[in-house]
N, C-alpha and C. Protein backbone atom coordinates (compact mmCIF):
# COMPACT_ATOMS: atom_id res chain seq x y z
N MET A 1 121.83 13.21 107.35
CA MET A 1 121.34 14.39 106.67
C MET A 1 122.50 15.33 106.34
N LEU A 2 123.43 15.50 107.28
CA LEU A 2 124.57 16.37 107.04
C LEU A 2 125.43 15.81 105.92
N ALA A 3 125.61 14.47 105.88
CA ALA A 3 126.41 13.86 104.81
C ALA A 3 125.75 14.11 103.46
N LEU A 4 124.42 14.02 103.40
CA LEU A 4 123.70 14.31 102.17
C LEU A 4 123.91 15.76 101.77
N GLY A 5 123.87 16.65 102.74
CA GLY A 5 124.10 18.07 102.44
C GLY A 5 125.50 18.31 101.93
N LEU A 6 126.49 17.66 102.53
CA LEU A 6 127.87 17.80 102.06
C LEU A 6 128.00 17.28 100.64
N ALA A 7 127.42 16.13 100.38
CA ALA A 7 127.54 15.54 99.06
C ALA A 7 126.82 16.38 98.01
N SER A 8 125.68 16.95 98.36
CA SER A 8 124.92 17.74 97.38
C SER A 8 125.60 19.05 97.05
N LEU A 9 126.45 19.56 97.93
CA LEU A 9 127.12 20.83 97.68
C LEU A 9 128.44 20.65 96.94
N ALA A 10 128.92 19.44 96.81
CA ALA A 10 130.20 19.21 96.17
C ALA A 10 130.02 18.99 94.68
N PRO A 11 130.68 19.79 93.84
CA PRO A 11 130.64 19.53 92.41
C PRO A 11 131.25 18.16 92.13
N ALA A 12 130.82 17.51 91.06
CA ALA A 12 131.28 16.17 90.74
C ALA A 12 132.79 16.10 90.54
N ASP A 13 133.41 17.18 90.05
CA ASP A 13 134.83 17.16 89.74
C ASP A 13 135.69 17.81 90.82
N SER A 14 135.18 17.98 92.01
CA SER A 14 135.92 18.68 93.06
C SER A 14 135.84 17.90 94.36
N ARG A 15 136.59 18.36 95.35
CA ARG A 15 136.56 17.74 96.66
C ARG A 15 135.33 18.18 97.42
N LEU A 16 135.06 17.51 98.53
CA LEU A 16 133.96 17.90 99.40
C LEU A 16 134.25 19.26 100.01
N PRO A 17 133.21 20.03 100.32
CA PRO A 17 133.45 21.31 101.00
C PRO A 17 133.92 21.07 102.43
N ASP A 18 134.54 22.09 103.01
CA ASP A 18 134.97 22.02 104.40
C ASP A 18 133.75 22.06 105.31
N LEU A 19 133.95 21.74 106.57
CA LEU A 19 132.89 21.81 107.57
C LEU A 19 133.24 22.94 108.52
N SER A 20 132.34 23.91 108.66
CA SER A 20 132.60 25.08 109.50
C SER A 20 131.64 25.14 110.68
N ILE A 21 132.13 25.73 111.76
CA ILE A 21 131.35 25.94 112.98
C ILE A 21 131.11 27.44 113.13
N THR A 22 129.89 27.80 113.49
CA THR A 22 129.53 29.20 113.70
C THR A 22 129.17 29.40 115.16
N LEU A 23 129.63 30.51 115.73
CA LEU A 23 129.28 30.89 117.09
C LEU A 23 128.94 32.37 117.08
N GLY A 24 127.80 32.71 117.67
CA GLY A 24 127.40 34.11 117.66
C GLY A 24 126.35 34.44 118.69
N VAL A 25 125.89 35.67 118.59
CA VAL A 25 124.84 36.17 119.46
C VAL A 25 123.62 36.46 118.59
N TYR A 26 122.45 36.06 119.08
CA TYR A 26 121.19 36.24 118.37
C TYR A 26 120.36 37.28 119.13
N LEU A 27 119.88 38.27 118.41
CA LEU A 27 119.09 39.35 119.00
C LEU A 27 117.66 39.24 118.50
N PRO A 28 116.75 38.66 119.30
CA PRO A 28 115.37 38.49 118.84
C PRO A 28 114.69 39.85 118.66
N SER A 29 113.89 39.95 117.60
CA SER A 29 113.21 41.23 117.34
C SER A 29 111.81 41.28 117.92
N GLY A 30 111.21 40.14 118.26
CA GLY A 30 109.87 40.12 118.85
C GLY A 30 109.89 40.64 120.28
N GLY A 31 109.18 41.71 120.56
CA GLY A 31 109.21 42.35 121.86
C GLY A 31 108.80 41.45 123.01
N GLU A 32 107.72 40.70 122.86
CA GLU A 32 107.25 39.85 123.96
C GLU A 32 108.25 38.73 124.25
N VAL A 33 108.82 38.15 123.21
CA VAL A 33 109.82 37.10 123.37
C VAL A 33 111.09 37.67 124.01
N ARG A 34 111.51 38.82 123.53
CA ARG A 34 112.72 39.47 124.07
C ARG A 34 112.52 39.83 125.55
N ASP A 35 111.34 40.35 125.89
CA ASP A 35 111.06 40.70 127.29
C ASP A 35 111.06 39.46 128.18
N ALA A 36 110.54 38.34 127.68
CA ALA A 36 110.44 37.13 128.49
C ALA A 36 111.77 36.42 128.68
N LEU A 37 112.64 36.44 127.65
CA LEU A 37 113.87 35.65 127.69
C LEU A 37 115.15 36.47 127.70
N GLY A 38 115.06 37.76 127.50
CA GLY A 38 116.26 38.58 127.41
C GLY A 38 116.57 38.90 125.95
N GLY A 39 117.42 39.88 125.76
CA GLY A 39 117.68 40.40 124.43
C GLY A 39 118.83 39.77 123.69
N GLU A 40 119.58 38.84 124.32
CA GLU A 40 120.71 38.21 123.65
C GLU A 40 120.66 36.70 123.89
N TRP A 41 120.66 35.94 122.80
CA TRP A 41 120.63 34.49 122.88
C TRP A 41 121.88 33.93 122.23
N LEU A 42 122.13 32.65 122.43
CA LEU A 42 123.27 31.96 121.83
C LEU A 42 122.88 31.41 120.46
N ASN A 43 123.79 31.54 119.51
CA ASN A 43 123.60 31.02 118.16
C ASN A 43 124.81 30.15 117.83
N VAL A 44 124.58 28.86 117.55
CA VAL A 44 125.63 27.93 117.18
C VAL A 44 125.20 27.26 115.88
N GLY A 45 126.14 27.09 114.96
CA GLY A 45 125.77 26.49 113.70
C GLY A 45 126.87 25.59 113.15
N ILE A 46 126.48 24.80 112.17
CA ILE A 46 127.41 23.94 111.45
C ILE A 46 127.01 24.00 109.99
N SER A 47 128.00 24.12 109.13
CA SER A 47 127.67 24.20 107.71
C SER A 47 128.79 23.69 106.83
N PRO A 48 128.40 23.02 105.74
CA PRO A 48 129.39 22.68 104.73
C PRO A 48 129.72 23.96 103.97
N THR A 49 131.01 24.30 103.87
CA THR A 49 131.39 25.55 103.21
C THR A 49 132.54 25.32 102.25
N PRO A 50 132.42 25.88 101.06
CA PRO A 50 133.57 25.82 100.16
C PRO A 50 134.69 26.70 100.71
N ARG A 51 135.92 26.42 100.33
CA ARG A 51 137.05 27.22 100.81
C ARG A 51 136.83 28.68 100.44
N ARG A 52 136.36 28.94 99.27
CA ARG A 52 135.98 30.28 98.82
C ARG A 52 134.71 30.16 98.01
N LEU A 53 133.77 31.08 98.21
CA LEU A 53 132.62 31.17 97.33
C LEU A 53 133.09 31.77 96.02
N SER A 54 132.38 31.53 94.97
CA SER A 54 132.78 32.11 93.69
C SER A 54 132.15 33.50 93.54
N ASP A 55 132.48 34.14 92.43
CA ASP A 55 131.87 35.44 92.15
C ASP A 55 130.53 35.27 91.44
N ARG A 56 130.05 34.02 91.39
CA ARG A 56 128.70 33.73 90.90
C ARG A 56 127.92 33.10 92.05
N TRP A 57 126.61 33.14 91.98
CA TRP A 57 125.78 32.55 93.03
C TRP A 57 126.01 31.04 93.06
N THR A 58 126.34 30.52 94.25
CA THR A 58 126.70 29.13 94.47
C THR A 58 125.78 28.54 95.54
N LEU A 59 125.45 27.26 95.40
CA LEU A 59 124.60 26.58 96.36
C LEU A 59 125.28 26.52 97.73
N VAL A 60 124.58 26.97 98.79
CA VAL A 60 125.09 26.94 100.17
C VAL A 60 123.98 26.46 101.10
N GLY A 61 124.36 25.84 102.20
CA GLY A 61 123.39 25.37 103.18
C GLY A 61 123.95 25.46 104.57
N ASP A 62 123.08 25.37 105.57
CA ASP A 62 123.55 25.37 106.95
C ASP A 62 122.49 24.86 107.90
N VAL A 63 122.95 24.56 109.11
CA VAL A 63 122.10 24.16 110.23
C VAL A 63 122.49 25.07 111.39
N GLU A 64 121.53 25.76 111.97
CA GLU A 64 121.78 26.65 113.11
C GLU A 64 121.01 26.14 114.32
N LEU A 65 121.54 26.40 115.49
CA LEU A 65 120.83 26.16 116.75
C LEU A 65 120.82 27.49 117.48
N ILE A 66 119.63 28.04 117.65
CA ILE A 66 119.45 29.33 118.32
C ILE A 66 118.72 29.05 119.62
N SER A 67 119.33 29.43 120.75
CA SER A 67 118.80 29.06 122.04
C SER A 67 118.70 30.27 122.97
N GLY A 68 117.52 30.43 123.55
CA GLY A 68 117.31 31.47 124.55
C GLY A 68 116.72 30.86 125.81
N ARG A 69 117.17 31.36 126.96
CA ARG A 69 116.69 30.84 128.24
C ARG A 69 116.72 31.97 129.26
N GLY A 70 115.67 32.10 130.01
CA GLY A 70 115.65 33.09 131.07
C GLY A 70 114.29 33.19 131.73
N ASN A 71 114.28 33.46 133.03
CA ASN A 71 113.05 33.66 133.80
C ASN A 71 112.09 32.47 133.68
N GLY A 72 112.61 31.25 133.57
CA GLY A 72 111.77 30.07 133.45
C GLY A 72 111.25 29.83 132.05
N ASN A 73 111.68 30.62 131.09
CA ASN A 73 111.26 30.50 129.70
C ASN A 73 112.39 29.89 128.88
N THR A 74 112.04 29.10 127.85
CA THR A 74 113.05 28.52 126.98
C THR A 74 112.60 28.56 125.52
N VAL A 75 113.57 28.74 124.64
CA VAL A 75 113.32 28.68 123.20
C VAL A 75 114.50 27.98 122.55
N LEU A 76 114.20 27.05 121.66
CA LEU A 76 115.20 26.44 120.80
C LEU A 76 114.67 26.50 119.37
N LEU A 77 115.41 27.16 118.51
CA LEU A 77 115.08 27.25 117.10
C LEU A 77 116.19 26.54 116.33
N ALA A 78 115.83 25.65 115.43
CA ALA A 78 116.83 24.89 114.67
C ALA A 78 116.50 24.95 113.19
N PRO A 79 116.86 26.07 112.52
CA PRO A 79 116.62 26.15 111.09
C PRO A 79 117.64 25.34 110.28
N VAL A 80 117.15 24.61 109.30
CA VAL A 80 117.97 23.89 108.32
C VAL A 80 117.63 24.52 106.98
N THR A 81 118.60 25.21 106.38
CA THR A 81 118.29 25.99 105.19
C THR A 81 119.27 25.71 104.05
N LEU A 82 118.79 25.96 102.84
CA LEU A 82 119.56 25.80 101.62
C LEU A 82 119.27 26.99 100.74
N GLY A 83 120.28 27.52 100.08
CA GLY A 83 120.07 28.67 99.22
C GLY A 83 121.30 28.97 98.39
N PHE A 84 121.54 30.25 98.17
CA PHE A 84 122.63 30.68 97.31
C PHE A 84 123.47 31.76 97.97
N GLY A 85 124.78 31.69 97.76
CA GLY A 85 125.70 32.69 98.29
C GLY A 85 126.76 33.02 97.26
N ARG A 86 127.38 34.18 97.44
CA ARG A 86 128.47 34.57 96.54
C ARG A 86 129.37 35.58 97.21
N GLU A 87 130.59 35.66 96.71
CA GLU A 87 131.54 36.67 97.14
C GLU A 87 131.51 37.83 96.15
N PHE A 88 131.93 38.98 96.60
CA PHE A 88 132.04 40.17 95.76
C PHE A 88 133.51 40.59 95.79
N ARG A 89 134.32 39.78 95.13
CA ARG A 89 135.77 39.95 95.16
C ARG A 89 136.19 41.12 94.28
N GLY A 90 136.96 42.03 94.86
CA GLY A 90 137.52 43.15 94.11
C GLY A 90 138.91 42.82 93.63
N SER A 91 139.60 43.81 93.16
CA SER A 91 140.95 43.58 92.65
C SER A 91 141.99 43.61 93.77
N GLY A 92 141.63 44.14 94.93
CA GLY A 92 142.59 44.25 96.03
C GLY A 92 142.61 43.03 96.91
N ARG A 93 143.53 43.05 97.87
CA ARG A 93 143.64 41.98 98.87
C ARG A 93 142.85 42.39 100.11
N GLY A 94 142.72 41.48 101.04
CA GLY A 94 142.03 41.78 102.27
C GLY A 94 140.69 41.09 102.35
N PRO A 95 139.88 41.43 103.35
CA PRO A 95 138.56 40.80 103.53
C PRO A 95 137.70 40.96 102.27
N VAL A 96 136.93 39.92 101.99
CA VAL A 96 136.08 39.89 100.80
C VAL A 96 134.61 39.90 101.23
N PRO A 97 133.81 40.88 100.77
CA PRO A 97 132.38 40.89 101.10
C PRO A 97 131.67 39.67 100.49
N PHE A 98 130.65 39.19 101.18
CA PHE A 98 129.84 38.10 100.65
C PHE A 98 128.39 38.31 101.06
N ALA A 99 127.50 37.59 100.40
CA ALA A 99 126.07 37.62 100.73
C ALA A 99 125.48 36.24 100.48
N ALA A 100 124.42 35.91 101.21
CA ALA A 100 123.73 34.63 101.02
C ALA A 100 122.26 34.81 101.37
N VAL A 101 121.41 34.06 100.69
CA VAL A 101 119.98 33.96 101.01
C VAL A 101 119.62 32.48 101.00
N ARG A 102 118.82 32.08 101.99
CA ARG A 102 118.48 30.67 102.13
C ARG A 102 117.03 30.54 102.60
N ALA A 103 116.47 29.36 102.37
CA ALA A 103 115.13 29.03 102.87
C ALA A 103 115.13 27.56 103.26
N GLY A 104 114.21 27.19 104.13
CA GLY A 104 114.13 25.80 104.55
C GLY A 104 113.08 25.60 105.61
N LEU A 105 113.36 24.69 106.51
CA LEU A 105 112.45 24.36 107.61
C LEU A 105 113.16 24.55 108.94
N ALA A 106 112.38 24.88 109.97
CA ALA A 106 112.94 25.07 111.30
C ALA A 106 112.14 24.28 112.32
N TYR A 107 112.85 23.58 113.18
CA TYR A 107 112.23 22.97 114.35
C TYR A 107 112.16 24.07 115.40
N MET A 108 110.98 24.26 115.98
CA MET A 108 110.76 25.31 116.99
C MET A 108 110.23 24.65 118.26
N ASP A 109 110.94 24.84 119.36
CA ASP A 109 110.55 24.30 120.66
C ASP A 109 110.58 25.47 121.64
N TYR A 110 109.43 25.83 122.20
CA TYR A 110 109.35 27.03 123.03
C TYR A 110 108.36 26.85 124.17
N ALA A 111 108.67 27.52 125.27
CA ALA A 111 107.79 27.62 126.43
C ALA A 111 108.02 29.01 127.01
N VAL A 112 107.04 29.90 126.80
CA VAL A 112 107.22 31.32 127.12
C VAL A 112 106.01 31.83 127.90
N ASP A 113 106.29 32.52 129.01
CA ASP A 113 105.24 33.20 129.76
C ASP A 113 104.91 34.51 129.03
N THR A 114 103.63 34.68 128.67
CA THR A 114 103.18 35.90 127.99
C THR A 114 102.15 36.60 128.85
N THR A 115 101.71 37.76 128.42
CA THR A 115 100.68 38.49 129.17
C THR A 115 99.37 37.71 129.21
N GLY A 116 99.15 36.81 128.24
CA GLY A 116 97.94 35.99 128.20
C GLY A 116 98.11 34.62 128.83
N GLY A 117 99.25 34.35 129.43
CA GLY A 117 99.51 33.05 130.04
C GLY A 117 100.69 32.37 129.36
N ARG A 118 100.99 31.16 129.81
CA ARG A 118 102.13 30.43 129.26
C ARG A 118 101.76 29.82 127.92
N VAL A 119 102.67 29.99 126.96
CA VAL A 119 102.48 29.45 125.61
C VAL A 119 103.65 28.51 125.34
N SER A 120 103.33 27.30 124.86
CA SER A 120 104.41 26.37 124.54
C SER A 120 104.03 25.54 123.33
N GLY A 121 105.05 25.02 122.66
CA GLY A 121 104.81 24.19 121.50
C GLY A 121 106.09 23.62 120.94
N LYS A 122 105.92 22.60 120.13
CA LYS A 122 107.00 21.99 119.37
C LYS A 122 106.44 21.80 117.97
N ARG A 123 107.13 22.39 117.00
CA ARG A 123 106.60 22.34 115.64
C ARG A 123 107.70 22.52 114.62
N ILE A 124 107.39 22.19 113.40
CA ILE A 124 108.28 22.44 112.27
C ILE A 124 107.58 23.44 111.37
N GLU A 125 108.28 24.53 111.05
CA GLU A 125 107.71 25.62 110.27
C GLU A 125 108.71 26.06 109.20
N PRO A 126 108.21 26.74 108.15
CA PRO A 126 109.13 27.28 107.14
C PRO A 126 109.96 28.43 107.72
N THR A 127 111.14 28.63 107.17
CA THR A 127 112.02 29.70 107.62
C THR A 127 112.84 30.21 106.44
N ALA A 128 113.42 31.37 106.61
CA ALA A 128 114.31 31.95 105.60
C ALA A 128 115.31 32.84 106.31
N ASN A 129 116.45 33.08 105.65
CA ASN A 129 117.43 34.00 106.22
C ASN A 129 118.21 34.69 105.12
N ALA A 130 118.74 35.83 105.45
CA ALA A 130 119.62 36.60 104.56
C ALA A 130 120.85 36.97 105.36
N GLU A 131 122.02 36.88 104.73
CA GLU A 131 123.28 37.08 105.44
C GLU A 131 124.23 37.92 104.60
N VAL A 132 124.93 38.83 105.25
CA VAL A 132 126.01 39.60 104.62
C VAL A 132 127.20 39.57 105.56
N GLY A 133 128.39 39.70 105.01
CA GLY A 133 129.55 39.67 105.88
C GLY A 133 130.84 39.83 105.14
N LEU A 134 131.91 39.49 105.85
CA LEU A 134 133.26 39.57 105.30
C LEU A 134 133.96 38.23 105.45
N GLN A 135 134.49 37.72 104.36
CA GLN A 135 135.34 36.54 104.39
C GLN A 135 136.71 37.05 104.79
N LEU A 136 137.12 36.80 106.05
CA LEU A 136 138.37 37.35 106.59
C LEU A 136 139.59 36.59 106.08
N SER A 137 139.43 35.28 105.86
CA SER A 137 140.49 34.42 105.35
C SER A 137 139.83 33.17 104.82
N ASP A 138 140.64 32.21 104.36
CA ASP A 138 140.07 30.93 103.92
C ASP A 138 139.38 30.21 105.07
N ALA A 139 139.75 30.54 106.31
CA ALA A 139 139.25 29.79 107.46
C ALA A 139 138.30 30.57 108.37
N ALA A 140 138.04 31.84 108.09
CA ALA A 140 137.20 32.63 109.02
C ALA A 140 136.31 33.61 108.27
N ARG A 141 135.10 33.76 108.80
CA ARG A 141 134.11 34.67 108.22
C ARG A 141 133.35 35.37 109.34
N LEU A 142 133.13 36.65 109.21
CA LEU A 142 132.33 37.44 110.14
C LEU A 142 131.05 37.83 109.42
N SER A 143 129.88 37.61 110.05
CA SER A 143 128.64 37.88 109.33
C SER A 143 127.54 38.46 110.20
N LEU A 144 126.62 39.11 109.52
CA LEU A 144 125.39 39.64 110.08
C LEU A 144 124.26 38.95 109.34
N ARG A 145 123.34 38.33 110.08
CA ARG A 145 122.31 37.49 109.46
C ARG A 145 120.96 37.78 110.09
N TYR A 146 119.92 37.82 109.26
CA TYR A 146 118.56 37.98 109.76
C TYR A 146 117.79 36.70 109.46
N ASP A 147 117.23 36.08 110.51
CA ASP A 147 116.41 34.88 110.36
C ASP A 147 114.94 35.26 110.53
N ALA A 148 114.11 34.80 109.61
CA ALA A 148 112.66 35.05 109.67
C ALA A 148 111.93 33.73 109.92
N PHE A 149 111.04 33.76 110.90
CA PHE A 149 110.21 32.62 111.25
C PHE A 149 108.76 33.08 111.23
N PRO A 150 107.80 32.17 111.00
CA PRO A 150 106.40 32.59 111.08
C PRO A 150 106.03 32.91 112.53
N THR A 151 105.06 33.78 112.71
CA THR A 151 104.53 34.06 114.05
C THR A 151 103.73 32.83 114.49
N VAL A 152 104.07 32.29 115.66
CA VAL A 152 103.37 31.11 116.18
C VAL A 152 102.85 31.42 117.57
N ASP A 153 101.62 31.05 117.81
CA ASP A 153 100.98 31.29 119.11
C ASP A 153 101.14 32.75 119.55
N GLY A 154 101.12 33.66 118.58
CA GLY A 154 101.23 35.09 118.87
C GLY A 154 102.65 35.56 119.15
N LEU A 155 103.64 34.69 119.00
CA LEU A 155 105.03 35.04 119.29
C LEU A 155 105.86 35.17 118.01
N ARG A 156 106.70 36.20 117.97
CA ARG A 156 107.63 36.42 116.86
C ARG A 156 109.03 36.04 117.32
N PHE A 157 109.65 35.11 116.59
CA PHE A 157 110.99 34.64 116.93
C PHE A 157 112.06 35.17 115.97
N ASP A 158 111.69 36.02 115.00
CA ASP A 158 112.66 36.60 114.06
C ASP A 158 113.79 37.25 114.84
N GLY A 159 114.94 37.36 114.20
CA GLY A 159 116.04 38.03 114.86
C GLY A 159 117.27 38.20 114.00
N LEU A 160 118.17 38.99 114.53
CA LEU A 160 119.42 39.33 113.88
C LEU A 160 120.56 38.68 114.65
N SER A 161 121.52 38.09 113.94
CA SER A 161 122.67 37.50 114.63
C SER A 161 123.97 38.05 114.08
N LEU A 162 124.91 38.19 114.98
CA LEU A 162 126.28 38.57 114.64
C LEU A 162 127.12 37.35 114.98
N SER A 163 127.83 36.80 113.96
CA SER A 163 128.50 35.52 114.16
C SER A 163 129.89 35.50 113.55
N LEU A 164 130.71 34.63 114.12
CA LEU A 164 132.02 34.32 113.57
C LEU A 164 131.98 32.85 113.19
N GLN A 165 132.35 32.56 111.94
CA GLN A 165 132.38 31.19 111.45
C GLN A 165 133.83 30.81 111.19
N VAL A 166 134.24 29.64 111.68
CA VAL A 166 135.60 29.16 111.46
C VAL A 166 135.56 27.73 110.92
N ARG A 167 136.52 27.43 110.05
CA ARG A 167 136.60 26.09 109.49
C ARG A 167 137.06 25.14 110.59
N ALA A 168 136.29 24.09 110.80
CA ALA A 168 136.61 23.12 111.85
C ALA A 168 137.23 21.85 111.29
N LEU A 169 136.87 21.50 110.05
CA LEU A 169 137.33 20.27 109.44
C LEU A 169 137.50 20.50 107.96
N SER A 170 138.66 20.11 107.44
CA SER A 170 138.94 20.28 106.02
C SER A 170 139.11 18.91 105.39
N PHE A 171 138.58 18.76 104.20
CA PHE A 171 138.68 17.49 103.48
C PHE A 171 139.79 17.52 102.44
N GLY A 172 140.80 18.37 102.64
CA GLY A 172 141.95 18.44 101.76
C GLY A 172 141.88 19.58 100.77
N ARG A 173 142.97 19.84 100.16
CA ARG A 173 143.08 20.92 99.16
C ARG A 173 142.74 20.40 97.79
N ASP A 174 142.36 21.34 96.91
CA ASP A 174 142.09 21.00 95.51
C ASP A 174 143.35 20.52 94.83
């Protein structure tokens, strides 16, 4: 699936995009979920990324793993999304602002103690996210991202993440 994603993001006349790894903290916004598992979760991702986004909207995709654990409760959210991103390059040098919006499907695996008893499930649901940040260099990006998930079994898993993305594998220069 990742190879298909890499191939679909590469223009026919260009090289494959680089492969980047994301590491960050996820802050769930749902009160009951946050109370049960804590307010900070781990966010790890992998994504095919062009060396630079263009100043036009460009196809982008990613796979995230968002994991929370605490007090005997566990949550794993795995959104796979595709959408559009772009840079807002000015005339100066330095970090370049960027934005992206994506939609897709998420695998949701959860077991949470609630006021009404233990709720658990494994399902695939639609998801979407919006991201803004700074492209610090060709190899690093700092971002703020909001992931939206449907409410399932009375639980809200939406949240905000602060992440650093670094290029892990390059397929060569243009």
